[in-house]
Amino acid sequence: MIELTPSQIAGLKLAQQGDLYPQSAKKWTHQNPTVTYAKTDRWKERPQKIKFISAKTLEELREPGFLERLHFNDDAEKDVYAITMAGKIWLLKNK
């Protein structure tokens, strides 16, 4: 069984919610992230942070096969990544 750090687990959960696109400063997140608010935050006083993972964490998840590139003809640093079936199974077994 592969052991993952908490930041890798958070990155895997982020990839499960949608594909990861490159952003500025070697960060990866969803395509058009927007600031969101909790359903109970009636007056929208406390925005939730936009979640992202670093390029290092992305590489650490790509090596064992938990994430995969979607477009192989593009540059690897600008490519879109998605979760693989191995990543989904790991999350199911280790929730």
PDB file of N, CA and C in Angstrom:
ATOM      1  N   MET A   1       0.848  -1.181   0.000  1.00  0.00           N
ATOM      2  CA  MET A   1       0.000   0.000   0.000  1.00  0.00           C
ATOM      3  C   MET A   1       0.890   1.241   0.000  1.00  0.00           C
ATOM      4  N   ILE A   2       0.553   2.190  -0.798  1.00  0.00           N
ATOM      5  CA  ILE A   2       1.308   3.431  -0.913  1.00  0.00           C
ATOM      6  C   ILE A   2       0.817   4.415   0.147  1.00  0.00           C
ATOM      7  N   GLU A   3       1.760   4.988   0.883  1.00  0.00           N
ATOM      8  CA  GLU A   3       1.436   5.993   1.890  1.00  0.00           C
ATOM      9  C   GLU A   3       1.525   7.380   1.262  1.00  0.00           C
ATOM     10  N   LEU A   4       0.524   8.208   1.478  1.00  0.00           N
ATOM     11  CA  LEU A   4       0.519   9.572   0.958  1.00  0.00           C
ATOM     12  C   LEU A   4       0.521  10.569   2.110  1.00  0.00           C
ATOM     13  N   THR A   5       1.144  11.713   1.869  1.00  0.00           N
ATOM     14  CA  THR A   5       1.160  12.784   2.859  1.00  0.00           C
ATOM     15  C   THR A   5      -0.192  13.503   2.831  1.00  0.00           C
ATOM     16  N   PRO A   6      -0.504  14.278   3.856  1.00  0.00           N
ATOM     17  CA  PRO A   6      -1.778  15.016   3.853  1.00  0.00           C
ATOM     18  C   PRO A   6      -1.933  15.964   2.660  1.00  0.00           C
ATOM     19  N   SER A   7      -0.844  16.595   2.215  1.00  0.00           N
ATOM     20  CA  SER A   7      -0.955  17.488   1.056  1.00  0.00           C
ATOM     21  C   SER A   7      -1.217  16.699  -0.224  1.00  0.00           C
ATOM     22  N   GLN A   8      -0.664  15.492  -0.322  1.00  0.00           N
ATOM     23  CA  GLN A   8      -0.932  14.654  -1.488  1.00  0.00           C
ATOM     24  C   GLN A   8      -2.376  14.164  -1.486  1.00  0.00           C
ATOM     25  N   ILE A   9      -2.894  13.834  -0.320  1.00  0.00           N
ATOM     26  CA  ILE A   9      -4.291  13.401  -0.217  1.00  0.00           C
ATOM     27  C   ILE A   9      -5.223  14.547  -0.600  1.00  0.00           C
ATOM     28  N   ALA A  10      -4.916  15.756  -0.136  1.00  0.00           N
ATOM     29  CA  ALA A  10      -5.731  16.920  -0.497  1.00  0.00           C
ATOM     30  C   ALA A  10      -5.668  17.174  -2.001  1.00  0.00           C
ATOM     31  N   GLY A  11      -4.505  16.990  -2.604  1.00  0.00           N
ATOM     32  CA  GLY A  11      -4.367  17.155  -4.052  1.00  0.00           C
ATOM     33  C   GLY A  11      -5.150  16.114  -4.821  1.00  0.00           C
ATOM     34  N   LEU A  12      -5.158  14.892  -4.322  1.00  0.00           N
ATOM     35  CA  LEU A  12      -5.911  13.828  -4.969  1.00  0.00           C
ATOM     36  C   LEU A  12      -7.412  14.096  -4.884  1.00  0.00           C
ATOM     37  N   LYS A  13      -7.874  14.597  -3.737  1.00  0.00           N
ATOM     38  CA  LYS A  13      -9.294  14.945  -3.588  1.00  0.00           C
ATOM     39  C   LYS A  13      -9.667  16.114  -4.493  1.00  0.00           C
ATOM     40  N   LEU A  14      -8.745  17.059  -4.661  1.00  0.00           N
ATOM     41  CA  LEU A  14      -8.990  18.189  -5.552  1.00  0.00           C
ATOM     42  C   LEU A  14      -9.104  17.708  -6.998  1.00  0.00           C
ATOM     43  N   ALA A  15      -8.251  16.764  -7.379  1.00  0.00           N
ATOM     44  CA  ALA A  15      -8.304  16.214  -8.736  1.00  0.00           C
ATOM     45  C   ALA A  15      -9.567  15.392  -8.948  1.00  0.00           C
ATOM     46  N   GLN A  16     -10.086  14.808  -7.885  1.00  0.00           N
ATOM     47  CA  GLN A  16     -11.320  14.034  -7.999  1.00  0.00           C
ATOM     48  C   GLN A  16     -12.509  14.941  -8.313  1.00  0.00           C
ATOM     49  N   GLN A  17     -12.455  16.179  -7.856  1.00  0.00           N
ATOM     50  CA  GLN A  17     -13.545  17.126  -8.097  1.00  0.00           C
ATOM     51  C   GLN A  17     -13.533  17.670  -9.520  1.00  0.00           C
ATOM     52  N   GLY A  18     -12.391  17.594 -10.204  1.00  0.00           N
ATOM     53  CA  GLY A  18     -12.302  18.094 -11.574  1.00  0.00           C
ATOM     54  C   GLY A  18     -10.865  18.134 -12.047  1.00  0.00           C
ATOM     55  N   ASP A  19     -10.673  18.322 -13.345  1.00  0.00           N
ATOM     56  CA  ASP A  19      -9.335  18.350 -13.924  1.00  0.00           C
ATOM     57  C   ASP A  19      -8.524  19.519 -13.377  1.00  0.00           C
ATOM     58  N   LEU A  20      -7.197  19.335 -13.328  1.00  0.00           N
ATOM     59  CA  LEU A  20      -6.298  20.358 -12.795  1.00  0.00           C
ATOM     60  C   LEU A  20      -5.618  21.099 -13.934  1.00  0.00           C
ATOM     61  N   TYR A  21      -5.712  22.415 -13.916  1.00  0.00           N
ATOM     62  CA  TYR A  21      -5.127  23.277 -14.940  1.00  0.00           C
ATOM     63  C   TYR A  21      -4.004  24.099 -14.320  1.00  0.00           C
ATOM     64  N   PRO A  22      -2.967  24.422 -15.098  1.00  0.00           N
ATOM     65  CA  PRO A  22      -1.870  25.234 -14.542  1.00  0.00           C
ATOM     66  C   PRO A  22      -2.309  26.670 -14.295  1.00  0.00           C
ATOM     67  N   GLN A  23      -1.845  27.226 -13.189  1.00  0.00           N
ATOM     68  CA  GLN A  23      -2.093  28.620 -12.849  1.00  0.00           C
ATOM     69  C   GLN A  23      -0.744  29.296 -12.666  1.00  0.00           C
ATOM     70  N   SER A  24      -0.721  30.497 -12.177  1.00  0.00           N
ATOM     71  CA  SER A  24       0.536  31.209 -11.984  1.00  0.00           C
ATOM     72  C   SER A  24       1.334  30.613 -10.823  1.00  0.00           C
ATOM     73  N   ALA A  25       2.622  30.815 -10.848  1.00  0.00           N
ATOM     74  CA  ALA A  25       3.554  30.431  -9.770  1.00  0.00           C
ATOM     75  C   ALA A  25       3.554  28.930  -9.486  1.00  0.00           C
ATOM     76  N   LYS A  26       3.503  28.115 -10.530  1.00  0.00           N
ATOM     77  CA  LYS A  26       3.582  26.648 -10.414  1.00  0.00           C
ATOM     78  C   LYS A  26       2.520  26.072  -9.492  1.00  0.00           C
ATOM     79  N   LYS A  27       1.315  26.572  -9.626  1.00  0.00           N
ATOM     80  CA  LYS A  27       0.180  26.058  -8.866  1.00  0.00           C
ATOM     81  C   LYS A  27      -0.816  25.460  -9.849  1.00  0.00           C
ATOM     82  N   TRP A  28      -1.538  24.455  -9.401  1.00  0.00           N
ATOM     83  CA  TRP A  28      -2.519  23.772 -10.232  1.00  0.00           C
ATOM     84  C   TRP A  28      -3.855  23.777  -9.513  1.00  0.00           C
ATOM     85  N   THR A  29      -4.924  24.126 -10.243  1.00  0.00           N
ATOM     86  CA  THR A  29      -6.268  24.140  -9.672  1.00  0.00           C
ATOM     87  C   THR A  29      -7.268  23.918 -10.808  1.00  0.00           C
ATOM     88  N   HIS A  30      -8.547  24.087 -10.528  1.00  0.00           N
ATOM     89  CA  HIS A  30      -9.570  23.903 -11.560  1.00  0.00           C
ATOM     90  C   HIS A  30      -9.483  25.014 -12.599  1.00  0.00           C
ATOM     91  N   GLN A  31     -10.184  24.875 -13.708  1.00  0.00           N
ATOM     92  CA  GLN A  31     -10.009  25.778 -14.845  1.00  0.00           C
ATOM     93  C   GLN A  31     -10.303  27.236 -14.518  1.00  0.00           C
ATOM     94  N   ASN A  32     -11.468  27.542 -14.050  1.00  0.00           N
ATOM     95  CA  ASN A  32     -11.829  28.924 -13.723  1.00  0.00           C
ATOM     96  C   ASN A  32     -12.276  28.996 -12.271  1.00  0.00           C
ATOM     97  N   PRO A  33     -11.322  28.991 -11.337  1.00  0.00           N
ATOM     98  CA  PRO A  33     -11.726  28.987  -9.928  1.00  0.00           C
ATOM     99  C   PRO A  33     -12.305  30.332  -9.512  1.00  0.00           C
ATOM    100  N   THR A  34     -13.336  30.284  -8.722  1.00  0.00           N
ATOM    101  CA  THR A  34     -13.939  31.502  -8.186  1.00  0.00           C
ATOM    102  C   THR A  34     -14.056  31.360  -6.675  1.00  0.00           C
ATOM    103  N   VAL A  35     -14.122  32.472  -6.011  1.00  0.00           N
ATOM    104  CA  VAL A  35     -14.291  32.465  -4.561  1.00  0.00           C
ATOM    105  C   VAL A  35     -15.708  32.001  -4.254  1.00  0.00           C
ATOM    106  N   THR A  36     -15.818  31.036  -3.357  1.00  0.00           N
ATOM    107  CA  THR A  36     -17.130  30.506  -2.997  1.00  0.00           C
ATOM    108  C   THR A  36     -17.415  30.791  -1.533  1.00  0.00           C
ATOM    109  N   TYR A  37     -18.659  30.617  -1.169  1.00  0.00           N
ATOM    110  CA  TYR A  37     -19.104  30.850   0.200  1.00  0.00           C
ATOM    111  C   TYR A  37     -19.866  29.622   0.675  1.00  0.00           C
ATOM    112  N   ALA A  38     -19.840  29.378   1.963  1.00  0.00           N
ATOM    113  CA  ALA A  38     -20.590  28.267   2.532  1.00  0.00           C
ATOM    114  C   ALA A  38     -22.085  28.547   2.411  1.00  0.00           C
ATOM    115  N   LYS A  39     -22.873  27.482   2.349  1.00  0.00           N
ATOM    116  CA  LYS A  39     -24.325  27.661   2.244  1.00  0.00           C
ATOM    117  C   LYS A  39     -24.895  28.372   3.461  1.00  0.00           C
ATOM    118  N   THR A  40     -24.260  28.198   4.599  1.00  0.00           N
ATOM    119  CA  THR A  40     -24.749  28.822   5.826  1.00  0.00           C
ATOM    120  C   THR A  40     -24.246  30.252   5.994  1.00  0.00           C
ATOM    121  N   ASP A  41     -23.357  30.702   5.120  1.00  0.00           N
ATOM    122  CA  ASP A  41     -22.819  32.064   5.205  1.00  0.00           C
ATOM    123  C   ASP A  41     -23.791  33.005   4.491  1.00  0.00           C
ATOM    124  N   ARG A  42     -24.771  33.459   5.219  1.00  0.00           N
ATOM    125  CA  ARG A  42     -25.890  34.184   4.648  1.00  0.00           C
ATOM    126  C   ARG A  42     -25.502  35.516   4.012  1.00  0.00           C
ATOM    127  N   TRP A  43     -24.598  36.245   4.642  1.00  0.00           N
ATOM    128  CA  TRP A  43     -24.224  37.566   4.135  1.00  0.00           C
ATOM    129  C   TRP A  43     -22.899  37.552   3.385  1.00  0.00           C
ATOM    130  N   LYS A  44     -22.401  36.369   3.116  1.00  0.00           N
ATOM    131  CA  LYS A  44     -21.155  36.196   2.356  1.00  0.00           C
ATOM    132  C   LYS A  44     -20.009  36.990   2.973  1.00  0.00           C
ATOM    133  N   GLU A  45     -19.807  36.747   4.248  1.00  0.00           N
ATOM    134  CA  GLU A  45     -18.760  37.447   4.984  1.00  0.00           C
ATOM    135  C   GLU A  45     -17.441  36.684   5.008  1.00  0.00           C
ATOM    136  N   ARG A  46     -17.506  35.355   4.892  1.00  0.00           N
ATOM    137  CA  ARG A  46     -16.301  34.543   5.009  1.00  0.00           C
ATOM    138  C   ARG A  46     -16.091  33.716   3.741  1.00  0.00           C
ATOM    139  N   PRO A  47     -15.367  34.253   2.781  1.00  0.00           N
ATOM    140  CA  PRO A  47     -15.135  33.483   1.554  1.00  0.00           C
ATOM    141  C   PRO A  47     -14.221  32.289   1.814  1.00  0.00           C
ATOM    142  N   GLN A  48     -14.498  31.193   1.114  1.00  0.00           N
ATOM    143  CA  GLN A  48     -13.645  30.016   1.217  1.00  0.00           C
ATOM    144  C   GLN A  48     -12.485  30.169   0.243  1.00  0.00           C
ATOM    145  N   LYS A  49     -11.323  29.727   0.652  1.00  0.00           N
ATOM    146  CA  LYS A  49     -10.135  29.869  -0.179  1.00  0.00           C
ATOM    147  C   LYS A  49     -10.228  28.979  -1.412  1.00  0.00           C
ATOM    148  N   ILE A  50      -9.587  29.423  -2.480  1.00  0.00           N
ATOM    149  CA  ILE A  50      -9.474  28.609  -3.683  1.00  0.00           C
ATOM    150  C   ILE A  50      -8.402  27.565  -3.422  1.00  0.00           C
ATOM    151  N   LYS A  51      -8.745  26.313  -3.596  1.00  0.00           N
ATOM    152  CA  LYS A  51      -7.805  25.234  -3.310  1.00  0.00           C
ATOM    153  C   LYS A  51      -6.901  25.008  -4.514  1.00  0.00           C
ATOM    154  N   PHE A  52      -5.630  24.704  -4.238  1.00  0.00           N
ATOM    155  CA  PHE A  52      -4.662  24.429  -5.293  1.00  0.00           C
ATOM    156  C   PHE A  52      -3.623  23.460  -4.766  1.00  0.00           C
ATOM    157  N   ILE A  53      -2.850  22.864  -5.674  1.00  0.00           N
ATOM    158  CA  ILE A  53      -1.711  22.036  -5.294  1.00  0.00           C
ATOM    159  C   ILE A  53      -0.483  22.565  -6.015  1.00  0.00           C
ATOM    160  N   SER A  54       0.676  22.276  -5.462  1.00  0.00           N
ATOM    161  CA  SER A  54       1.927  22.746  -6.061  1.00  0.00           C
ATOM    162  C   SER A  54       2.372  21.777  -7.154  1.00  0.00           C
ATOM    163  N   ALA A  55       3.323  22.227  -7.952  1.00  0.00           N
ATOM    164  CA  ALA A  55       3.857  21.386  -9.026  1.00  0.00           C
ATOM    165  C   ALA A  55       4.579  20.173  -8.450  1.00  0.00           C
ATOM    166  N   LYS A  56       5.206  20.334  -7.297  1.00  0.00           N
ATOM    167  CA  LYS A  56       5.908  19.220  -6.652  1.00  0.00           C
ATOM    168  C   LYS A  56       4.925  18.126  -6.247  1.00  0.00           C
ATOM    169  N   THR A  57       3.816  18.514  -5.644  1.00  0.00           N
ATOM    170  CA  THR A  57       2.795  17.546  -5.240  1.00  0.00           C
ATOM    171  C   THR A  57       2.192  16.862  -6.461  1.00  0.00           C
ATOM    172  N   LEU A  58       2.008  17.621  -7.531  1.00  0.00           N
ATOM    173  CA  LEU A  58       1.476  17.048  -8.765  1.00  0.00           C
ATOM    174  C   LEU A  58       2.408  15.964  -9.296  1.00  0.00           C
ATOM    175  N   GLU A  59       3.711  16.225  -9.286  1.00  0.00           N
ATOM    176  CA  GLU A  59       4.684  15.230  -9.745  1.00  0.00           C
ATOM    177  C   GLU A  59       4.684  14.005  -8.838  1.00  0.00           C
ATOM    178  N   GLU A  60       4.571  14.222  -7.527  1.00  0.00           N
ATOM    179  CA  GLU A  60       4.546  13.102  -6.587  1.00  0.00           C
ATOM    180  C   GLU A  60       3.318  12.222  -6.796  1.00  0.00           C
ATOM    181  N   LEU A  61       2.220  12.792  -7.220  1.00  0.00           N
ATOM    182  CA  LEU A  61       1.010  12.012  -7.493  1.00  0.00           C
ATOM    183  C   LEU A  61       1.044  11.379  -8.878  1.00  0.00           C
ATOM    184  N   ARG A  62       1.802  11.963  -9.781  1.00  0.00           N
ATOM    185  CA  ARG A  62       1.887  11.431 -11.141  1.00  0.00           C
ATOM    186  C   ARG A  62       2.793  10.204 -11.217  1.00  0.00           C
ATOM    187  N   GLU A  63       3.846  10.174 -10.397  1.00  0.00           N
ATOM    188  CA  GLU A  63       4.802   9.061 -10.432  1.00  0.00           C
ATOM    189  C   GLU A  63       4.158   7.700 -10.145  1.00  0.00           C
ATOM    190  N   PRO A  64       3.355   7.541  -9.075  1.00  0.00           N
ATOM    191  CA  PRO A  64       2.732   6.227  -8.857  1.00  0.00           C
ATOM    192  C   PRO A  64       1.511   5.973  -9.747  1.00  0.00           C
ATOM    193  N   GLY A  65       1.119   6.939 -10.554  1.00  0.00           N
ATOM    194  CA  GLY A  65       0.017   6.732 -11.485  1.00  0.00           C
ATOM    195  C   GLY A  65      -1.336   7.188 -10.983  1.00  0.00           C
ATOM    196  N   PHE A  66      -1.376   8.067  -9.985  1.00  0.00           N
ATOM    197  CA  PHE A  66      -2.655   8.565  -9.482  1.00  0.00           C
ATOM    198  C   PHE A  66      -3.221   9.686 -10.344  1.00  0.00           C
ATOM    199  N   LEU A  67      -2.366  10.415 -11.061  1.00  0.00           N
ATOM    200  CA  LEU A  67      -2.789  11.463 -11.986  1.00  0.00           C
ATOM    201  C   LEU A  67      -2.204  11.173 -13.354  1.00  0.00           C
ATOM    202  N   GLU A  68      -2.907  11.617 -14.402  1.00  0.00           N
ATOM    203  CA  GLU A  68      -2.410  11.417 -15.760  1.00  0.00           C
ATOM    204  C   GLU A  68      -2.622  12.676 -16.591  1.00  0.00           C
ATOM    205  N   ARG A  69      -1.751  12.845 -17.590  1.00  0.00           N
ATOM    206  CA  ARG A  69      -1.890  13.962 -18.522  1.00  0.00           C
ATOM    207  C   ARG A  69      -3.011  13.668 -19.496  1.00  0.00           C
ATOM    208  N   LEU A  70      -3.724  14.695 -19.895  1.00  0.00           N
ATOM    209  CA  LEU A  70      -4.826  14.498 -20.837  1.00  0.00           C
ATOM    210  C   LEU A  70      -4.418  14.762 -22.282  1.00  0.00           C
ATOM    211  N   HIS A  71      -3.480  15.681 -22.512  1.00  0.00           N
ATOM    212  CA  HIS A  71      -3.073  16.048 -23.869  1.00  0.00           C
ATOM    213  C   HIS A  71      -1.570  15.849 -23.992  1.00  0.00           C
ATOM    214  N   PHE A  72      -1.149  14.764 -24.624  1.00  0.00           N
ATOM    215  CA  PHE A  72       0.273  14.443 -24.694  1.00  0.00           C
ATOM    216  C   PHE A  72       1.037  15.294 -25.691  1.00  0.00           C
ATOM    217  N   ASN A  73       0.369  15.968 -26.606  1.00  0.00           N
ATOM    218  CA  ASN A  73       1.080  16.786 -27.582  1.00  0.00           C
ATOM    219  C   ASN A  73       1.427  18.164 -27.036  1.00  0.00           C
ATOM    220  N   ASP A  74       0.891  18.543 -25.884  1.00  0.00           N
ATOM    221  CA  ASP A  74       1.205  19.831 -25.265  1.00  0.00           C
ATOM    222  C   ASP A  74       2.441  19.707 -24.385  1.00  0.00           C
ATOM    223  N   ASP A  75       2.947  20.856 -23.944  1.00  0.00           N
ATOM    224  CA  ASP A  75       4.055  20.894 -22.998  1.00  0.00           C
ATOM    225  C   ASP A  75       3.572  20.354 -21.650  1.00  0.00           C
ATOM    226  N   ALA A  76       4.396  19.556 -20.980  1.00  0.00           N
ATOM    227  CA  ALA A  76       3.997  18.923 -19.716  1.00  0.00           C
ATOM    228  C   ALA A  76       3.703  19.950 -18.630  1.00  0.00           C
ATOM    229  N   GLU A  77       4.385  21.102 -18.668  1.00  0.00           N
ATOM    230  CA  GLU A  77       4.167  22.117 -17.642  1.00  0.00           C
ATOM    231  C   GLU A  77       2.869  22.890 -17.855  1.00  0.00           C
ATOM    232  N   LYS A  78       2.309  22.811 -19.059  1.00  0.00           N
ATOM    233  CA  LYS A  78       1.073  23.538 -19.359  1.00  0.00           C
ATOM    234  C   LYS A  78      -0.087  22.598 -19.643  1.00  0.00           C
ATOM    235  N   ASP A  79       0.107  21.327 -19.396  1.00  0.00           N
ATOM    236  CA  ASP A  79      -0.901  20.335 -19.719  1.00  0.00           C
ATOM    237  C   ASP A  79      -1.942  20.216 -18.603  1.00  0.00           C
ATOM    238  N   VAL A  80      -3.060  19.619 -18.940  1.00  0.00           N
ATOM    239  CA  VAL A  80      -4.156  19.387 -18.002  1.00  0.00           C
ATOM    240  C   VAL A  80      -3.992  17.978 -17.432  1.00  0.00           C
ATOM    241  N   TYR A  81      -4.227  17.836 -16.132  1.00  0.00           N
ATOM    242  CA  TYR A  81      -4.105  16.539 -15.473  1.00  0.00           C
ATOM    243  C   TYR A  81      -5.448  16.121 -14.901  1.00  0.00           C
ATOM    244  N   ALA A  82      -5.679  14.805 -14.902  1.00  0.00           N
ATOM    245  CA  ALA A  82      -6.919  14.250 -14.361  1.00  0.00           C
ATOM    246  C   ALA A  82      -6.576  13.062 -13.470  1.00  0.00           C
ATOM    247  N   ILE A  83      -7.497  12.711 -12.592  1.00  0.00           N
ATOM    248  CA  ILE A  83      -7.286  11.579 -11.692  1.00  0.00           C
ATOM    249  C   ILE A  83      -7.493  10.282 -12.469  1.00  0.00           C
ATOM    250  N   THR A  84      -6.710   9.260 -12.149  1.00  0.00           N
ATOM    251  CA  THR A  84      -6.850   7.955 -12.789  1.00  0.00           C
ATOM    252  C   THR A  84      -7.726   7.058 -11.923  1.00  0.00           C
ATOM    253  N   MET A  85      -8.030   5.885 -12.451  1.00  0.00           N
ATOM    254  CA  MET A  85      -8.821   4.925 -11.685  1.00  0.00           C
ATOM    255  C   MET A  85      -8.057   4.476 -10.441  1.00  0.00           C
ATOM    256  N   ALA A  86      -6.723   4.389 -10.538  1.00  0.00           N
ATOM    257  CA  ALA A  86      -5.910   4.010  -9.372  1.00  0.00           C
ATOM    258  C   ALA A  86      -6.048   5.048  -8.262  1.00  0.00           C
ATOM    259  N   GLY A  87      -6.091   6.321  -8.629  1.00  0.00           N
ATOM    260  CA  GLY A  87      -6.277   7.377  -7.637  1.00  0.00           C
ATOM    261  C   GLY A  87      -7.646   7.319  -6.989  1.00  0.00           C
ATOM    262  N   LYS A  88      -8.665   7.030  -7.783  1.00  0.00           N
ATOM    263  CA  LYS A  88     -10.021   6.925  -7.234  1.00  0.00           C
ATOM    264  C   LYS A  88     -10.137   5.747  -6.273  1.00  0.00           C
ATOM    265  N   ILE A  89      -9.518   4.626  -6.641  1.00  0.00           N
ATOM    266  CA  ILE A  89      -9.565   3.445  -5.779  1.00  0.00           C
ATOM    267  C   ILE A  89      -8.807   3.697  -4.484  1.00  0.00           C
ATOM    268  N   TRP A  90      -7.659   4.390  -4.571  1.00  0.00           N
ATOM    269  CA  TRP A  90      -6.897   4.701  -3.357  1.00  0.00           C
ATOM    270  C   TRP A  90      -7.741   5.546  -2.409  1.00  0.00           C
ATOM    271  N   LEU A  91      -8.458   6.531  -2.954  1.00  0.00           N
ATOM    272  CA  LEU A  91      -9.311   7.370  -2.108  1.00  0.00           C
ATOM    273  C   LEU A  91     -10.448   6.567  -1.477  1.00  0.00           C
ATOM    274  N   LEU A  92     -11.012   5.624  -2.231  1.00  0.00           N
ATOM    275  CA  LEU A  92     -12.091   4.802  -1.677  1.00  0.00           C
ATOM    276  C   LEU A  92     -11.599   3.929  -0.524  1.00  0.00           C
ATOM    277  N   LYS A  93     -10.404   3.375  -0.669  1.00  0.00           N
ATOM    278  CA  LYS A  93      -9.877   2.474   0.357  1.00  0.00           C
ATOM    279  C   LYS A  93      -9.368   3.215   1.583  1.00  0.00           C
ATOM    280  N   ASN A  94      -8.950   4.455   1.433  1.00  0.00           N
ATOM    281  CA  ASN A  94      -8.274   5.159   2.518  1.00  0.00           C
ATOM    282  C   ASN A  94      -9.000   6.408   2.984  1.00  0.00           C
ATOM    283  N   LYS A  95     -10.306   6.443   2.897  1.00  0.00           N
ATOM    284  CA  LYS A  95     -11.022   7.645   3.343  1.00  0.00           C
ATOM    285  C   LYS A  95     -10.974   7.797   4.812  1.00  0.00           C
TER     286      LYS A  95
END
